[in-house]
């Protein structure tokens, strides 16, 4: 009987040990699950932040691309205008080249009148560019880009 009693005691102790071990194991699993849920929440916040950042960067990239396109178009237009001015000063109507300096020395009064008229037109362009209203029936070809852009 002593053997049977000690076997029962040992069995109860082993059984109690297994119950305590199971409880501690389940408690550990619950703690691990809580940590995993917290980590998952932090990870989801990080993913949301990164998605918002990517969206913002994409929008910024599109704005920069559009600005670069507009800038390129403006540069091309300005280059064409510079080329046009170069032709006005250095190429005759018949296509032959000329020296504007020689003409200015030969006909200073004519050149002075042309320069004064051009200066007046440029001054008016500056006025329009800084907010002046367009006068009725005003036609200033040098300022057509400013007039067309809505400075009315």
Protein backbone atom coordinates (compact mmCIF):
# COMPACT_ATOMS: atom_id res chain seq x y z
CA UNK A 1 0.00 0.00 0.00
CA UNK A 2 2.89 2.28 0.59
CA UNK A 3 3.82 1.88 -3.03
CA UNK A 4 0.26 2.66 -4.14
CA UNK A 5 0.03 5.74 -1.93
CA UNK A 6 3.35 7.14 -3.08
CA UNK A 7 2.34 6.47 -6.68
CA UNK A 8 -0.86 8.43 -6.13
CA UNK A 9 1.03 11.30 -4.50
CA UNK A 10 3.56 11.34 -7.30
CA UNK A 11 0.76 11.22 -9.87
CA UNK A 12 -1.05 14.13 -8.15
CA UNK A 13 2.21 16.12 -7.97
CA UNK A 14 2.95 15.43 -11.65
CA UNK A 15 -0.64 16.31 -12.55
CA UNK A 16 -0.48 19.56 -10.52
CA UNK A 17 2.89 20.34 -12.12
CA UNK A 18 1.44 19.80 -15.56
CA UNK A 19 -1.54 22.04 -14.71
CA UNK A 20 0.76 24.83 -13.42
CA UNK A 21 3.03 24.42 -16.43
CA UNK A 22 -0.01 24.59 -18.78
CA UNK A 23 -1.34 27.70 -17.02
CA UNK A 24 2.05 29.44 -17.22
CA UNK A 25 2.41 28.40 -20.85
CA UNK A 26 -1.05 29.81 -21.74
CA UNK A 27 -0.25 32.99 -19.78
CA UNK A 28 3.00 33.34 -21.73
CA UNK A 29 1.12 32.82 -24.99
CA UNK A 30 -1.34 35.55 -24.01
CA UNK A 31 1.51 37.95 -23.21
CA UNK A 32 3.19 37.11 -26.53
CA UNK A 33 -0.12 37.66 -28.31
CA UNK A 34 -0.55 41.07 -26.65
CA UNK A 35 2.98 42.07 -27.72
CA UNK A 36 2.29 40.83 -31.25
CA UNK A 37 -0.96 42.80 -31.42
CA UNK A 38 0.84 45.94 -30.23
CA UNK A 39 3.62 45.39 -32.78
CA UNK A 40 1.02 44.83 -35.50
CA UNK A 41 -0.70 48.11 -34.56
CA UNK A 42 2.60 49.99 -34.73
CA UNK A 43 3.42 48.32 -38.04
CA UNK A 44 0.03 49.30 -39.48
CA UNK A 45 0.57 52.93 -38.40
CA UNK A 46 3.98 52.87 -40.07
CA UNK A 47 2.52 51.43 -43.27
CA UNK A 48 -0.19 54.12 -43.29
CA UNK A 49 2.43 56.84 -42.77
CA UNK A 50 4.57 55.43 -45.58
CA UNK A 51 1.57 55.23 -47.92
CA UNK A 52 0.72 58.87 -47.17
CA UNK A 53 4.34 59.85 -47.76
CA UNK A 54 4.43 57.97 -51.07
CA UNK A 55 1.18 59.67 -52.12
CA UNK A 56 2.57 63.10 -51.23
CA UNK A 57 5.84 62.41 -53.02
CA UNK A 58 3.95 61.21 -56.11
CA UNK A 59 1.84 64.38 -56.14
CA UNK A 60 4.97 66.51 -55.68
CA UNK A 61 6.69 64.64 -58.51
CA UNK A 62 3.72 65.28 -60.81
CA UNK A 63 3.77 69.00 -59.91
CA UNK A 64 7.51 69.19 -60.53
CA UNK A 65 7.12 67.38 -63.86
CA UNK A 66 4.38 69.79 -64.94
CA UNK A 67 6.47 72.78 -63.81
CA UNK A 68 9.48 71.48 -65.72
CA UNK A 69 7.35 71.04 -68.82
CA UNK A 70 6.02 74.60 -68.52
CA UNK A 71 9.53 75.90 -67.91
CA UNK A 72 10.86 74.06 -70.96
CA UNK A 73 8.06 75.49 -73.09
CA UNK A 74 8.78 79.00 -71.77
CA UNK A 75 12.49 78.61 -72.50
CA UNK A 76 11.72 77.45 -76.04
CA UNK A 77 9.42 80.45 -76.59
CA UNK A 78 12.02 82.84 -75.20
CA UNK A 79 14.74 81.29 -77.35
CA UNK A 80 12.52 81.75 -80.40
CA UNK A 81 11.93 85.38 -79.43
CA UNK A 82 15.67 85.99 -79.01
CA UNK A 83 16.27 84.43 -82.42
CA UNK A 84 13.54 86.67 -83.85
CA UNK A 85 15.21 89.74 -82.33
CA UNK A 86 18.54 88.63 -83.70
CA UNK A 87 17.01 88.41 -87.16
CA UNK A 88 15.41 91.85 -86.79
CA UNK A 89 18.73 93.43 -85.97
CA UNK A 90 21.09 91.43 -88.15
CA UNK A 91 19.16 90.21 -91.20
CA UNK A 92 17.56 92.35 -93.89
CA UNK A 93 14.08 91.66 -95.24
CA UNK A 94 15.65 90.13 -98.34
CA UNK A 95 17.56 87.63 -96.16
CA UNK A 96 21.04 89.18 -96.43
CA UNK A 97 22.95 90.00 -93.26
CA UNK A 98 23.48 93.54 -92.06
CA UNK A 99 25.43 95.31 -89.33
CA UNK A 100 23.13 97.27 -87.03
CA UNK A 101 26.11 99.29 -85.79
CA UNK A 102 26.87 100.48 -89.33
CA UNK A 103 23.25 101.55 -89.80
CA UNK A 104 23.28 103.38 -86.45
CA UNK A 105 26.40 105.32 -87.50
CA UNK A 106 24.94 106.11 -90.91
CA UNK A 107 21.41 107.05 -89.74
CA UNK A 108 21.53 108.02 -86.05
CA UNK A 109 18.23 109.98 -86.07
CA UNK A 110 16.30 107.04 -87.51
CA UNK A 111 17.83 104.62 -85.01
CA UNK A 112 17.16 107.06 -82.15
CA UNK A 113 13.48 107.22 -83.13
CA UNK A 114 13.26 103.42 -83.33
CA UNK A 115 14.99 102.97 -79.97
CA UNK A 116 12.76 105.59 -78.32
CA UNK A 117 9.62 103.89 -79.69
CA UNK A 118 10.85 100.51 -78.51
CA UNK A 119 11.70 101.93 -75.07
CA UNK A 120 8.18 103.37 -74.80
CA UNK A 121 6.73 99.96 -75.71
CA UNK A 122 8.94 98.17 -73.16
CA UNK A 123 7.90 100.65 -70.47
CA UNK A 124 4.25 99.93 -71.28
CA UNK A 125 4.97 96.18 -71.10
CA UNK A 126 6.42 96.67 -67.61
CA UNK A 127 3.32 98.65 -66.63
CA UNK A 128 1.07 95.85 -67.87
CA UNK A 129 3.21 93.20 -66.16
CA UNK A 130 2.89 95.02 -62.83
CA UNK A 131 -0.89 95.32 -62.94
CA UNK A 132 -1.77 98.29 -65.12
CA UNK A 133 -5.09 98.04 -66.93
CA UNK A 134 -5.19 97.63 -70.69
CA UNK A 135 -6.43 100.74 -72.42
CA UNK A 136 -9.36 100.45 -74.78
CA UNK A 137 -8.23 99.48 -78.29
CA UNK A 138 -4.64 99.13 -77.07
CA UNK A 139 -2.50 97.10 -79.42
CA UNK A 140 1.05 96.48 -78.34
CA UNK A 141 2.50 93.51 -80.19
CA UNK A 142 5.60 93.44 -78.02
CA UNK A 143 3.37 92.86 -74.98
CA UNK A 144 0.97 90.39 -76.56
CA UNK A 145 1.99 87.59 -74.17
CA UNK A 146 1.32 89.80 -71.15
CA UNK A 147 -1.97 91.10 -72.58
CA UNK A 148 -3.09 87.57 -73.52
CA UNK A 149 -2.24 86.17 -70.08
CA UNK A 150 -5.18 87.97 -68.54
CA UNK A 151 -3.78 91.23 -67.22
CA UNK A 152 -7.01 93.09 -67.94
